Structures are given as C-alpha cells and as structure tokens.
C-alpha cells in the first residue's frame, strides 16, 4: 500500500526512555508510511525521549506526567485518535521491533475480513521469532483461552502490534486496561464482550533498534504467573465494565 488509503490512519508509539531509538524509528515510519500521522506518547520518560521525538519534526508528542505503562500510554493514544476523528489507530513499538512495512497488511485484513481489531502475530507462520520455557507455556495458554473467548484462532495474544478501527478506538478510548498485560490480554476480552471482531496477520518481529531486551529464566517464570493472573482478572470482571462499542 504505497498510496494514501481512504482512511485516516494514526500510528501511536508509546515510548518510555527510548531516546536512543526514537529518532530512527520515526524517520523509518514516516518514510514507509508517508500517508499516516504519527503520535509519540511519552510515558513519563526520564531521558530526552520527548525532546528527540519533537526535534525530528515527524510526529506529534503527547507527554504523560507519570510512567503509566503501555496500557496507560495507549489509552491516551486512543483518546487522541478518538477526539481527532481517526479511522484507524495502529500501535507500533518505539524501539523498532515492529516493521512499519507490515502496517498495510493489517489494514488490508481489516478491510477484507471486516475486522475491528487486527493483531500482528509473531507465531502465525511468518518469521523466526521464538520463545521457550515458562514464557512459551504462558503464551500458549493465553492463546488457547483467548481464541475461545474471541471466537477465532489467535497465536500471539501478547503482541503489541495491532490496528484498531473506529469502533475499537471509541471503546478503548474510554476503557483500555493499564495493568500489566491488560493492554493485550484484557483488551481482547473487552473487545469480544463488546461484539468486536478480532483477527490476526502473521508478521516478522525485528531486533530492537537500541537498548537491551530482558531475557532471564526468573523473569520468564514471573511472566507466566502474571499472565495467568491477568487472564483470570480479565475473565472475572463483569461484562458491564467493558461497555459497548456500538
């Protein structure tokens, strides 16, 4: 999709202490997706992330006074998208792991399948990304349970690479979980309960543009526990808390 789509698209990049990567990421996104608007949500960074992002002239920058986590940053991004009348909001990591060239594929799946939310999935037959141990067990459990909840097969329910249409934007602007893993796990439960259609597209994940990823057996075990807790919390909350996207 090299030409401007009929829809107004906002690329939301939640960023916490990403001063080393944000400039190159914004340059790439603006070059690959010249028809999209870019929004950096500076999630209470203690470095120069916001200043570096503004200096590029590529994106609008929304500053949060405190670090709220990805969920809180994305809720702010959805509120911005909703108030400014965007048709689609697409979340990209600000560390460069998500390839902006994949965004048109998410938009195409949204149009072709009539989906409200499209996930860029790492474990759907594209790329070589893999996980092991407790993290892999947690992801499999989440995929099995959430596939049943949303009514379609999902292989990567913790992916932060996703596109949301107007219905989803309206829902997430007022009800988007800020808790750990809530932005991925619970948001899918909220989507299903609101009657939104969720699907996925296989994507290839890249290495970080800067910084060091955290991989450690102890952290993987903690992830397993937190993932199960997040799932139980999401499923135990009354449907009325999710609101209605219609």
C-alpha atoms as a PDB file:
ATOM      1  CA  UNK A   1       0.000   0.000   0.000  1.00  0.00           C
ATOM      2  CA  UNK A   2       2.199   2.795  -1.297  1.00  0.00           C
ATOM      3  CA  UNK A   3      -0.640   5.227  -1.948  1.00  0.00           C
ATOM      4  CA  UNK A   4      -2.674   7.028   0.686  1.00  0.00           C
ATOM      5  CA  UNK A   5      -5.563   4.828   1.888  1.00  0.00           C
ATOM      6  CA  UNK A   6      -9.098   6.171   2.031  1.00  0.00           C
ATOM      7  CA  UNK A   7      -8.949   6.121   5.829  1.00  0.00           C
ATOM      8  CA  UNK A   8      -7.191   8.494   8.213  1.00  0.00           C
ATOM      9  CA  UNK A   9      -4.556   6.442  10.000  1.00  0.00           C
ATOM     10  CA  UNK A  10      -2.765   7.352  13.219  1.00  0.00           C
ATOM     11  CA  UNK A  11       0.379   5.477  14.226  1.00  0.00           C
ATOM     12  CA  UNK A  12       0.683   5.516  18.022  1.00  0.00           C
ATOM     13  CA  UNK A  13       4.120   4.878  19.507  1.00  0.00           C
ATOM     14  CA  UNK A  14       4.153   4.528  23.310  1.00  0.00           C
ATOM     15  CA  UNK A  15       7.661   5.452  24.452  1.00  0.00           C
ATOM     16  CA  UNK A  16       9.460   5.180  27.769  1.00  0.00           C
ATOM     17  CA  UNK A  17      13.151   6.154  27.837  1.00  0.00           C
ATOM     18  CA  UNK A  18      13.691   5.473  24.131  1.00  0.00           C
ATOM     19  CA  UNK A  19      15.904   8.457  23.296  1.00  0.00           C
ATOM     20  CA  UNK A  20      18.451   6.218  21.560  1.00  0.00           C
ATOM     21  CA  UNK A  21      15.935   4.660  19.168  1.00  0.00           C
ATOM     22  CA  UNK A  22      13.029   7.049  18.712  1.00  0.00           C
ATOM     23  CA  UNK A  23      14.540   9.302  16.026  1.00  0.00           C
ATOM     24  CA  UNK A  24      15.469   6.465  13.661  1.00  0.00           C
ATOM     25  CA  UNK A  25      12.147   4.726  14.279  1.00  0.00           C
ATOM     26  CA  UNK A  26      10.162   7.885  13.460  1.00  0.00           C
ATOM     27  CA  UNK A  27      12.244   8.506  10.338  1.00  0.00           C
ATOM     28  CA  UNK A  28      11.547   4.974   9.106  1.00  0.00           C
ATOM     29  CA  UNK A  29       7.830   5.057   9.881  1.00  0.00           C
ATOM     30  CA  UNK A  30       7.388   8.460   8.209  1.00  0.00           C
ATOM     31  CA  UNK A  31       9.287   7.239   5.133  1.00  0.00           C
ATOM     32  CA  UNK A  32       7.466   3.911   4.817  1.00  0.00           C
ATOM     33  CA  UNK A  33       4.014   5.282   5.725  1.00  0.00           C
ATOM     34  CA  UNK A  34       4.022   8.886   4.428  1.00  0.00           C
ATOM     35  CA  UNK A  35       0.196   8.963   4.440  1.00  0.00           C
ATOM     36  CA  UNK A  36      -0.100   8.235   8.165  1.00  0.00           C
ATOM     37  CA  UNK A  37       0.050  10.667  11.078  1.00  0.00           C
ATOM     38  CA  UNK A  38       2.427   9.813  13.905  1.00  0.00           C
ATOM     39  CA  UNK A  39       1.880  10.277  17.639  1.00  0.00           C
ATOM     40  CA  UNK A  40       4.537   9.585  20.259  1.00  0.00           C
ATOM     41  CA  UNK A  41       3.076   9.118  23.734  1.00  0.00           C
ATOM     42  CA  UNK A  42       5.959   9.965  26.047  1.00  0.00           C
ATOM     43  CA  UNK A  43       5.181   7.753  29.027  1.00  0.00           C
ATOM     44  CA  UNK A  44       6.854   9.737  31.797  1.00  0.00           C
ATOM     45  CA  UNK A  45      10.348   9.242  30.374  1.00  0.00           C
ATOM     46  CA  UNK A  46      13.287  10.420  32.499  1.00  0.00           C
ATOM     47  CA  UNK A  47      15.574  10.830  29.489  1.00  0.00           C
ATOM     48  CA  UNK A  48      15.294  13.018  26.365  1.00  0.00           C
ATOM     49  CA  UNK A  49      12.758  10.864  24.503  1.00  0.00           C
ATOM     50  CA  UNK A  50      10.233  13.696  24.108  1.00  0.00           C
ATOM     51  CA  UNK A  51      12.814  16.278  23.027  1.00  0.00           C
ATOM     52  CA  UNK A  52      14.383  13.921  20.492  1.00  0.00           C
ATOM     53  CA  UNK A  53      10.965  12.995  19.080  1.00  0.00           C
ATOM     54  CA  UNK A  54       9.945  16.641  18.713  1.00  0.00           C
ATOM     55  CA  UNK A  55      13.268  17.529  17.091  1.00  0.00           C
ATOM     56  CA  UNK A  56      12.613  15.114  14.230  1.00  0.00           C
ATOM     57  CA  UNK A  57       9.520  17.060  13.180  1.00  0.00           C
ATOM     58  CA  UNK A  58       7.973  13.730  12.228  1.00  0.00           C
ATOM     59  CA  UNK A  59       5.358  13.311  14.957  1.00  0.00           C
ATOM     60  CA  UNK A  60       3.096  14.977  17.464  1.00  0.00           C
ATOM     61  CA  UNK A  61       4.226  14.288  21.027  1.00  0.00           C
ATOM     62  CA  UNK A  62       1.876  13.733  23.947  1.00  0.00           C
ATOM     63  CA  UNK A  63       3.577  13.958  27.354  1.00  0.00           C
ATOM     64  CA  UNK A  64       2.309  11.960  30.320  1.00  0.00           C
ATOM     65  CA  UNK A  65       3.422  13.309  33.714  1.00  0.00           C
ATOM     66  CA  UNK A  66       3.987   9.825  35.135  1.00  0.00           C
ATOM     67  CA  UNK A  67       5.005   6.439  33.809  1.00  0.00           C
ATOM     68  CA  UNK A  68       1.671   4.619  33.336  1.00  0.00           C
ATOM     69  CA  UNK A  69       2.928   1.655  31.344  1.00  0.00           C
ATOM     70  CA  UNK A  70       1.983   0.664  27.806  1.00  0.00           C
ATOM     71  CA  UNK A  71      -1.715   0.340  28.656  1.00  0.00           C
ATOM     72  CA  UNK A  72      -1.959   3.824  30.116  1.00  0.00           C
ATOM     73  CA  UNK A  73       0.034   5.308  27.244  1.00  0.00           C
ATOM     74  CA  UNK A  74      -2.148   3.577  24.668  1.00  0.00           C
ATOM     75  CA  UNK A  75      -5.348   4.711  26.363  1.00  0.00           C
ATOM     76  CA  UNK A  76      -4.073   8.275  25.963  1.00  0.00           C
ATOM     77  CA  UNK A  77      -3.295   7.495  22.322  1.00  0.00           C
ATOM     78  CA  UNK A  78      -6.786   6.131  21.704  1.00  0.00           C
ATOM     79  CA  UNK A  79      -8.337   9.190  23.341  1.00  0.00           C
ATOM     80  CA  UNK A  80      -6.268  11.370  20.998  1.00  0.00           C
ATOM     81  CA  UNK A  81      -7.338   9.298  17.983  1.00  0.00           C
ATOM     82  CA  UNK A  82     -10.992   9.404  19.018  1.00  0.00           C
ATOM     83  CA  UNK A  83     -11.060  13.150  19.642  1.00  0.00           C
ATOM     84  CA  UNK A  84      -9.349  13.851  16.329  1.00  0.00           C
ATOM     85  CA  UNK A  85     -11.598  11.614  14.238  1.00  0.00           C
ATOM     86  CA  UNK A  86      -9.113   8.998  13.015  1.00  0.00           C
ATOM     87  CA  UNK A  87     -10.474   5.921  11.246  1.00  0.00           C
ATOM     88  CA  UNK A  88      -7.659   3.618  12.361  1.00  0.00           C
ATOM     89  CA  UNK A  89      -5.141   3.709  15.212  1.00  0.00           C
ATOM     90  CA  UNK A  90      -2.167   1.393  14.860  1.00  0.00           C
ATOM     91  CA  UNK A  91       0.199   0.684  17.736  1.00  0.00           C
ATOM     92  CA  UNK A  92       3.916   0.341  16.977  1.00  0.00           C
ATOM     93  CA  UNK A  93       6.738  -0.189  19.447  1.00  0.00           C
ATOM     94  CA  UNK A  94       9.089   2.765  19.711  1.00  0.00           C
ATOM     95  CA  UNK A  95      12.160   0.513  19.888  1.00  0.00           C
ATOM     96  CA  UNK A  96      11.963  -0.556  16.242  1.00  0.00           C
ATOM     97  CA  UNK A  97      10.856  -4.173  16.739  1.00  0.00           C
ATOM     98  CA  UNK A  98       7.688  -3.672  14.689  1.00  0.00           C
ATOM     99  CA  UNK A  99       8.215  -3.233  10.949  1.00  0.00           C
ATOM    100  CA  UNK A 100       6.059  -0.346   9.651  1.00  0.00           C
ATOM    101  CA  UNK A 101       6.039  -2.011   6.226  1.00  0.00           C
ATOM    102  CA  UNK A 102       3.668  -4.606   7.755  1.00  0.00           C
ATOM    103  CA  UNK A 103       1.012  -1.994   8.623  1.00  0.00           C
ATOM    104  CA  UNK A 104      -0.686  -2.102   5.188  1.00  0.00           C
ATOM    105  CA  UNK A 105      -1.188  -5.840   5.687  1.00  0.00           C
ATOM    106  CA  UNK A 106      -3.042  -5.193   8.930  1.00  0.00           C
ATOM    107  CA  UNK A 107      -5.192  -2.565   7.197  1.00  0.00           C
ATOM    108  CA  UNK A 108      -5.903  -4.938   4.312  1.00  0.00           C
ATOM    109  CA  UNK A 109      -7.005  -7.689   6.715  1.00  0.00           C
ATOM    110  CA  UNK A 110      -9.235  -5.195   8.497  1.00  0.00           C
ATOM    111  CA  UNK A 111     -10.951  -4.311   5.228  1.00  0.00           C
ATOM    112  CA  UNK A 112     -11.093  -7.803   3.725  1.00  0.00           C
ATOM    113  CA  UNK A 113     -12.332  -9.578   6.856  1.00  0.00           C
ATOM    114  CA  UNK A 114     -14.455  -6.802   8.308  1.00  0.00           C
ATOM    115  CA  UNK A 115     -12.357  -6.882  11.476  1.00  0.00           C
ATOM    116  CA  UNK A 116     -12.364  -4.230  14.179  1.00  0.00           C
ATOM    117  CA  UNK A 117      -9.014  -5.239  15.686  1.00  0.00           C
ATOM    118  CA  UNK A 118      -6.142  -6.852  13.771  1.00  0.00           C
ATOM    119  CA  UNK A 119      -3.158  -8.270  15.640  1.00  0.00           C
ATOM    120  CA  UNK A 120       0.295  -8.516  14.095  1.00  0.00           C
ATOM    121  CA  UNK A 121       1.131 -12.044  15.257  1.00  0.00           C
ATOM    122  CA  UNK A 122       4.657 -13.375  15.721  1.00  0.00           C
ATOM    123  CA  UNK A 123       3.643 -17.046  15.753  1.00  0.00           C
ATOM    124  CA  UNK A 124       1.464 -17.291  12.651  1.00  0.00           C
ATOM    125  CA  UNK A 125       3.825 -18.820  10.102  1.00  0.00           C
ATOM    126  CA  UNK A 126       5.860 -15.683   9.377  1.00  0.00           C
ATOM    127  CA  UNK A 127       9.406 -15.010  10.599  1.00  0.00           C
ATOM    128  CA  UNK A 128      11.615 -16.966  13.004  1.00  0.00           C
ATOM    129  CA  UNK A 129      10.757 -15.360  16.341  1.00  0.00           C
ATOM    130  CA  UNK A 130      10.514 -17.962  19.103  1.00  0.00           C
ATOM    131  CA  UNK A 131      10.235 -18.240  22.874  1.00  0.00           C
ATOM    132  CA  UNK A 132      10.972 -21.063  25.313  1.00  0.00           C
ATOM    133  CA  UNK A 133      10.187 -22.228  28.812  1.00  0.00           C
ATOM    134  CA  UNK A 134       7.605 -20.552  31.064  1.00  0.00           C
ATOM    135  CA  UNK A 135       7.049 -17.671  28.666  1.00  0.00           C
ATOM    136  CA  UNK A 136       6.162 -20.120  25.884  1.00  0.00           C
ATOM    137  CA  UNK A 137       3.777 -22.021  28.202  1.00  0.00           C
ATOM    138  CA  UNK A 138       2.074 -18.794  29.216  1.00  0.00           C
ATOM    139  CA  UNK A 139       1.657 -17.650  25.636  1.00  0.00           C
ATOM    140  CA  UNK A 140       0.161 -20.997  24.609  1.00  0.00           C
ATOM    141  CA  UNK A 141      -2.288 -20.951  27.494  1.00  0.00           C
ATOM    142  CA  UNK A 142      -3.344 -17.399  26.695  1.00  0.00           C
ATOM    143  CA  UNK A 143      -3.767 -18.236  23.020  1.00  0.00           C
ATOM    144  CA  UNK A 144      -5.953 -21.268  23.699  1.00  0.00           C
ATOM    145  CA  UNK A 145      -8.239 -19.486  26.167  1.00  0.00           C
ATOM    146  CA  UNK A 146      -8.495 -16.185  24.326  1.00  0.00           C
ATOM    147  CA  UNK A 147      -9.108 -17.890  20.985  1.00  0.00           C
ATOM    148  CA  UNK A 148     -12.238 -19.372  22.549  1.00  0.00           C
ATOM    149  CA  UNK A 149     -13.222 -16.011  24.040  1.00  0.00           C
ATOM    150  CA  UNK A 150     -12.962 -14.047  20.776  1.00  0.00           C
ATOM    151  CA  UNK A 151     -14.212 -16.864  18.554  1.00  0.00           C
ATOM    152  CA  UNK A 152     -11.222 -17.121  16.231  1.00  0.00           C
ATOM    153  CA  UNK A 153      -7.783 -18.738  16.360  1.00  0.00           C
ATOM    154  CA  UNK A 154      -5.123 -16.447  17.820  1.00  0.00           C
ATOM    155  CA  UNK A 155      -1.482 -17.441  18.183  1.00  0.00           C
ATOM    156  CA  UNK A 156       0.038 -14.292  19.694  1.00  0.00           C
ATOM    157  CA  UNK A 157      -2.264 -12.680  22.239  1.00  0.00           C
ATOM    158  CA  UNK A 158       0.519 -10.641  23.882  1.00  0.00           C
ATOM    159  CA  UNK A 159       1.561  -8.824  20.708  1.00  0.00           C
ATOM    160  CA  UNK A 160       1.584  -5.042  20.996  1.00  0.00           C
ATOM    161  CA  UNK A 161       1.479  -4.622  17.220  1.00  0.00           C
ATOM    162  CA  UNK A 162      -2.176  -4.087  16.303  1.00  0.00           C
ATOM    163  CA  UNK A 163      -4.589  -1.930  14.352  1.00  0.00           C
ATOM    164  CA  UNK A 164      -7.983  -0.763  15.655  1.00  0.00           C
ATOM    165  CA  UNK A 165     -10.837   0.795  13.684  1.00  0.00           C
ATOM    166  CA  UNK A 166     -13.297   3.497  14.778  1.00  0.00           C
ATOM    167  CA  UNK A 167     -15.448   1.122  16.833  1.00  0.00           C
ATOM    168  CA  UNK A 168     -12.430  -0.206  18.681  1.00  0.00           C
ATOM    169  CA  UNK A 169     -10.942   3.270  19.113  1.00  0.00           C
ATOM    170  CA  UNK A 170     -14.157   4.507  20.724  1.00  0.00           C
ATOM    171  CA  UNK A 171     -14.188   1.526  23.082  1.00  0.00           C
ATOM    172  CA  UNK A 172     -10.503   1.724  24.001  1.00  0.00           C
ATOM    173  CA  UNK A 173     -10.597   5.499  24.478  1.00  0.00           C
ATOM    174  CA  UNK A 174     -12.906   5.025  27.450  1.00  0.00           C
ATOM    175  CA  UNK A 175     -11.996   1.521  28.608  1.00  0.00           C
ATOM    176  CA  UNK A 176      -8.447   0.333  27.996  1.00  0.00           C
ATOM    177  CA  UNK A 177      -6.660  -1.612  30.747  1.00  0.00           C
ATOM    178  CA  UNK A 178      -3.489  -0.072  32.157  1.00  0.00           C
ATOM    179  CA  UNK A 179      -2.483  -3.072  34.279  1.00  0.00           C
ATOM    180  CA  UNK A 180       0.440  -5.325  33.333  1.00  0.00           C
ATOM    181  CA  UNK A 181      -0.591  -7.384  30.261  1.00  0.00           C
ATOM    182  CA  UNK A 182      -4.043  -5.803  30.441  1.00  0.00           C
ATOM    183  CA  UNK A 183      -3.322  -3.845  27.273  1.00  0.00           C
ATOM    184  CA  UNK A 184      -3.023  -7.140  25.415  1.00  0.00           C
ATOM    185  CA  UNK A 185      -4.846  -9.895  27.311  1.00  0.00           C
ATOM    186  CA  UNK A 186      -7.720  -7.959  28.873  1.00  0.00           C
ATOM    187  CA  UNK A 187      -8.202  -5.703  25.862  1.00  0.00           C
ATOM    188  CA  UNK A 188      -9.075  -8.797  23.817  1.00  0.00           C
ATOM    189  CA  UNK A 189     -11.656  -9.867  26.391  1.00  0.00           C
ATOM    190  CA  UNK A 190     -13.119  -6.359  26.378  1.00  0.00           C
ATOM    191  CA  UNK A 191     -13.232  -6.414  22.574  1.00  0.00           C
ATOM    192  CA  UNK A 192     -15.063  -9.748  22.479  1.00  0.00           C
ATOM    193  CA  UNK A 193     -17.611  -8.695  25.086  1.00  0.00           C
ATOM    194  CA  UNK A 194     -18.300  -5.505  23.142  1.00  0.00           C
ATOM    195  CA  UNK A 195     -19.011  -7.521  19.995  1.00  0.00           C
ATOM    196  CA  UNK A 196     -15.882  -6.514  18.103  1.00  0.00           C
ATOM    197  CA  UNK A 197     -14.357  -8.854  15.546  1.00  0.00           C
ATOM    198  CA  UNK A 198     -10.710  -9.717  16.210  1.00  0.00           C
ATOM    199  CA  UNK A 199      -8.332 -11.369  13.755  1.00  0.00           C
ATOM    200  CA  UNK A 200      -4.597 -11.677  13.193  1.00  0.00           C
ATOM    201  CA  UNK A 201      -1.965 -11.398  10.468  1.00  0.00           C
ATOM    202  CA  UNK A 202       1.427 -13.078  10.605  1.00  0.00           C
ATOM    203  CA  UNK A 203       4.317 -10.621  10.916  1.00  0.00           C
ATOM    204  CA  UNK A 204       8.058 -10.866  11.414  1.00  0.00           C
ATOM    205  CA  UNK A 205       9.485  -9.284  14.556  1.00  0.00           C
ATOM    206  CA  UNK A 206      12.814  -7.465  14.402  1.00  0.00           C
ATOM    207  CA  UNK A 207      15.586  -6.828  16.904  1.00  0.00           C
ATOM    208  CA  UNK A 208      15.447  -3.647  18.975  1.00  0.00           C
ATOM    209  CA  UNK A 209      16.937  -0.588  17.272  1.00  0.00           C
ATOM    210  CA  UNK A 210      18.662   0.284  20.563  1.00  0.00           C
ATOM    211  CA  UNK A 211      18.796  -0.909  24.149  1.00  0.00           C
ATOM    212  CA  UNK A 212      18.939  -4.435  25.528  1.00  0.00           C
ATOM    213  CA  UNK A 213      15.989  -6.849  25.687  1.00  0.00           C
ATOM    214  CA  UNK A 214      15.417  -8.565  29.015  1.00  0.00           C
ATOM    215  CA  UNK A 215      15.534 -12.372  28.846  1.00  0.00           C
ATOM    216  CA  UNK A 216      16.098 -14.350  32.035  1.00  0.00           C
ATOM    217  CA  UNK A 217      14.600 -17.618  33.377  1.00  0.00           C
ATOM    218  CA  UNK A 218      13.391 -15.916  36.552  1.00  0.00           C
ATOM    219  CA  UNK A 219      11.712 -13.160  34.575  1.00  0.00           C
ATOM    220  CA  UNK A 220      10.121 -15.754  32.307  1.00  0.00           C
ATOM    221  CA  UNK A 221       8.652 -17.524  35.339  1.00  0.00           C
ATOM    222  CA  UNK A 222       7.325 -14.219  36.650  1.00  0.00           C
ATOM    223  CA  UNK A 223       5.785 -13.585  33.243  1.00  0.00           C
ATOM    224  CA  UNK A 224       3.982 -16.933  33.467  1.00  0.00           C
ATOM    225  CA  UNK A 225       2.467 -16.056  36.823  1.00  0.00           C
ATOM    226  CA  UNK A 226       1.477 -12.563  35.781  1.00  0.00           C
ATOM    227  CA  UNK A 227      -0.013 -13.777  32.514  1.00  0.00           C
ATOM    228  CA  UNK A 228      -2.247 -16.276  34.302  1.00  0.00           C
ATOM    229  CA  UNK A 229      -3.259 -13.630  36.849  1.00  0.00           C
ATOM    230  CA  UNK A 230      -4.055 -11.130  34.084  1.00  0.00           C
ATOM    231  CA  UNK A 231      -6.195 -13.716  32.322  1.00  0.00           C
ATOM    232  CA  UNK A 232      -8.116 -14.597  35.490  1.00  0.00           C
ATOM    233  CA  UNK A 233      -8.723 -10.923  36.251  1.00  0.00           C
ATOM    234  CA  UNK A 234      -9.930 -10.252  32.709  1.00  0.00           C
ATOM    235  CA  UNK A 235     -12.345 -13.181  32.707  1.00  0.00           C
ATOM    236  CA  UNK A 236     -13.680 -12.469  36.199  1.00  0.00           C
ATOM    237  CA  UNK A 237     -14.669  -8.864  35.590  1.00  0.00           C
ATOM    238  CA  UNK A 238     -18.367  -8.265  34.859  1.00  0.00           C
ATOM    239  CA  UNK A 239     -19.200  -7.689  31.199  1.00  0.00           C
ATOM    240  CA  UNK A 240     -20.815  -4.371  32.053  1.00  0.00           C
ATOM    241  CA  UNK A 241     -17.403  -2.896  32.874  1.00  0.00           C
ATOM    242  CA  UNK A 242     -16.391  -3.297  29.264  1.00  0.00           C
ATOM    243  CA  UNK A 243     -19.099  -1.032  27.906  1.00  0.00           C
ATOM    244  CA  UNK A 244     -20.470  -1.342  24.403  1.00  0.00           C
ATOM    245  CA  UNK A 245     -18.724  -0.226  21.205  1.00  0.00           C
ATOM    246  CA  UNK A 246     -21.922   0.146  19.266  1.00  0.00           C
END
